[in-house]
Amino acid sequence: MALQQQRGDREYFRFVEDVNNSPAVRVIDSMPVNAWRATRTAGVAGTATLVSAPGNGKSLYLTDIFMSNGATAGSIRLYERVAAVGNTILVDAIYFAINGNFSKEYKTPVKLAANASLDVEEGVITTHTIQVVGYTI
């Protein structure tokens, strides 16, 4: 059973189960309603926006990163981009070996600047996949 709940300025879905038909409830999982996941799979190096800017006064929070690489060693860099300001590096170049991978779970989510997009810059890399997970507040 999923219950929608408000906690401060954050809205959550809480997944709960009834324990032995009693009024006691055990929380199984909770996640912000405004969570997102973005994936980019490409065959050549380039630059791209992974998650668009959320709008005035809102920020993206990055919680997880997963990356994998194919047959050519290369690098991937993540950065935040604010239209009037420019780019700020969030994750400096990660250099991949052939068939290499990388994953990171942030215990404390990385907050991007207000109204910033999450972008990627890939260098000398061929087939690869990038997946980022987070939420917007």
Protein backbone atom coordinates (compact mmCIF):
# COMPACT_ATOMS: atom_id res chain seq x y z
CA MET A 1 0.00 0.00 0.00
CA ALA A 2 1.37 3.46 -0.87
CA LEU A 3 0.47 6.48 1.22
CA GLN A 4 1.14 10.02 0.08
CA GLN A 5 2.49 12.17 2.88
CA GLN A 6 3.73 15.73 3.38
CA ARG A 7 6.85 16.39 5.47
CA GLY A 8 7.73 20.07 5.64
CA ASP A 9 8.00 21.34 2.07
CA ARG A 10 8.66 17.82 0.73
CA GLU A 11 6.03 15.41 -0.47
CA TYR A 12 6.80 11.71 -0.21
CA PHE A 13 5.26 8.40 -1.16
CA ARG A 14 5.70 5.99 1.71
CA PHE A 15 5.35 2.31 1.05
CA VAL A 16 3.97 0.58 4.12
CA GLU A 17 2.66 -2.81 5.15
CA ASP A 18 0.23 -3.78 7.85
CA VAL A 19 2.01 -5.93 10.44
CA ASN A 20 -0.27 -8.83 11.54
CA ASN A 21 -3.39 -6.77 10.76
CA SER A 22 -2.54 -4.44 13.64
CA PRO A 23 -2.54 -0.66 13.55
CA ALA A 24 1.27 -0.73 13.65
CA VAL A 25 2.81 0.16 10.29
CA ARG A 26 6.35 -0.56 9.12
CA VAL A 27 7.91 1.75 6.53
CA ILE A 28 9.42 -0.24 3.68
CA ASP A 29 10.73 2.60 1.53
CA SER A 30 10.27 6.31 1.04
CA MET A 31 11.28 8.47 -1.87
CA PRO A 32 10.49 12.04 -2.90
CA VAL A 33 7.58 12.26 -5.33
CA ASN A 34 9.68 14.51 -7.56
CA ALA A 35 12.42 11.91 -8.10
CA TRP A 36 14.00 11.51 -11.55
CA ARG A 37 16.32 9.19 -13.43
CA ALA A 38 18.10 10.03 -16.68
CA THR A 39 20.06 7.73 -18.98
CA ARG A 40 22.32 8.54 -21.91
CA THR A 41 23.71 5.83 -24.17
CA ALA A 42 25.97 6.99 -26.98
CA GLY A 43 28.42 5.59 -29.48
CA VAL A 44 30.67 8.66 -29.74
CA ALA A 45 32.00 11.35 -27.41
CA GLY A 46 30.05 14.58 -27.07
CA THR A 47 28.30 16.90 -24.68
CA ALA A 48 24.67 16.64 -23.59
CA THR A 49 22.15 17.73 -20.99
CA LEU A 50 21.21 14.76 -18.81
CA VAL A 51 18.59 16.57 -16.70
CA SER A 52 17.10 19.93 -17.73
CA ALA A 53 17.06 22.91 -15.39
CA PRO A 54 14.03 22.55 -13.06
CA GLY A 55 12.89 26.17 -13.11
CA ASN A 56 13.31 29.32 -11.08
CA GLY A 57 14.02 28.72 -7.39
CA LYS A 58 14.30 24.91 -7.70
CA SER A 59 17.43 22.76 -7.51
CA LEU A 60 18.38 19.29 -8.68
CA TYR A 61 19.81 16.92 -6.06
CA LEU A 62 22.10 14.19 -7.41
CA THR A 63 21.99 10.94 -5.40
CA ASP A 64 23.50 8.23 -7.63
CA ILE A 65 25.72 7.90 -10.70
CA PHE A 66 26.30 4.79 -12.82
CA MET A 67 28.62 4.75 -15.84
CA SER A 68 29.95 2.03 -18.11
CA ASN A 69 32.32 2.09 -21.05
CA GLY A 70 32.84 -0.05 -24.14
CA ALA A 71 35.80 -0.78 -26.39
CA THR A 72 37.72 2.53 -26.22
CA ALA A 73 39.30 4.07 -23.13
CA GLY A 74 38.07 7.59 -22.44
CA SER A 75 36.74 10.06 -19.89
CA ILE A 76 33.44 11.47 -18.64
CA ARG A 77 32.89 14.66 -16.65
CA LEU A 78 29.63 15.86 -15.04
CA TYR A 79 28.89 19.52 -14.49
CA GLU A 80 26.08 21.91 -13.62
CA ARG A 81 25.18 24.58 -16.16
CA VAL A 82 23.41 27.82 -15.29
CA ALA A 83 22.46 29.75 -18.44
CA ALA A 84 23.73 33.19 -17.39
CA VAL A 85 26.70 31.96 -15.34
CA GLY A 86 28.30 29.03 -17.18
CA ASN A 87 29.56 25.61 -16.10
CA THR A 88 30.74 24.33 -12.73
CA ILE A 89 32.36 20.89 -12.54
CA LEU A 90 30.58 18.45 -10.20
CA VAL A 91 32.53 15.28 -11.02
CA ASP A 92 35.87 15.93 -12.67
CA ALA A 93 37.09 13.63 -15.39
CA ILE A 94 36.69 9.94 -14.64
CA TYR A 95 39.06 8.00 -16.90
CA PHE A 96 37.69 4.66 -18.03
CA ALA A 97 39.62 1.61 -19.07
CA ILE A 98 38.23 -0.50 -21.89
CA ASN A 99 35.01 -2.13 -20.59
CA GLY A 100 35.37 -0.15 -17.35
CA ASN A 101 32.60 1.04 -15.07
CA PHE A 102 31.94 3.43 -12.20
CA SER A 103 29.16 3.85 -9.64
CA LYS A 104 28.67 6.29 -6.80
CA GLU A 105 25.93 6.61 -4.19
CA TYR A 106 26.08 9.91 -2.34
CA LYS A 107 25.14 9.56 1.32
CA THR A 108 24.46 13.30 1.27
CA PRO A 109 22.93 14.29 -2.09
CA VAL A 110 24.85 16.81 -4.20
CA LYS A 111 22.76 19.99 -4.54
CA LEU A 112 23.12 21.82 -7.85
CA ALA A 113 22.72 25.59 -8.07
CA ALA A 114 19.17 26.90 -8.41
CA ASN A 115 17.82 26.43 -11.95
CA ALA A 116 20.95 24.58 -13.13
CA SER A 117 20.90 21.64 -15.54
CA LEU A 118 23.01 18.50 -15.10
CA ASP A 119 25.26 18.08 -18.13
CA VAL A 120 27.92 15.64 -19.30
CA GLU A 121 31.10 16.08 -21.32
CA GLU A 122 32.64 12.93 -22.82
CA GLY A 123 36.19 12.77 -24.13
CA VAL A 124 37.67 10.22 -26.56
CA ILE A 125 35.15 7.54 -25.73
CA THR A 126 32.96 5.30 -27.86
CA THR A 127 30.03 3.14 -26.74
CA HIS A 128 29.08 4.10 -23.18
CA THR A 129 26.10 4.55 -20.86
CA ILE A 130 25.56 7.11 -18.11
CA GLN A 131 22.69 6.98 -15.65
CA VAL A 132 22.02 9.57 -12.96
CA VAL A 133 19.36 9.49 -10.24
CA GLY A 134 18.10 12.24 -7.96
CA TYR A 135 15.21 14.50 -7.08
CA THR A 136 14.11 18.13 -7.43
CA ILE A 137 13.16 20.57 -4.68
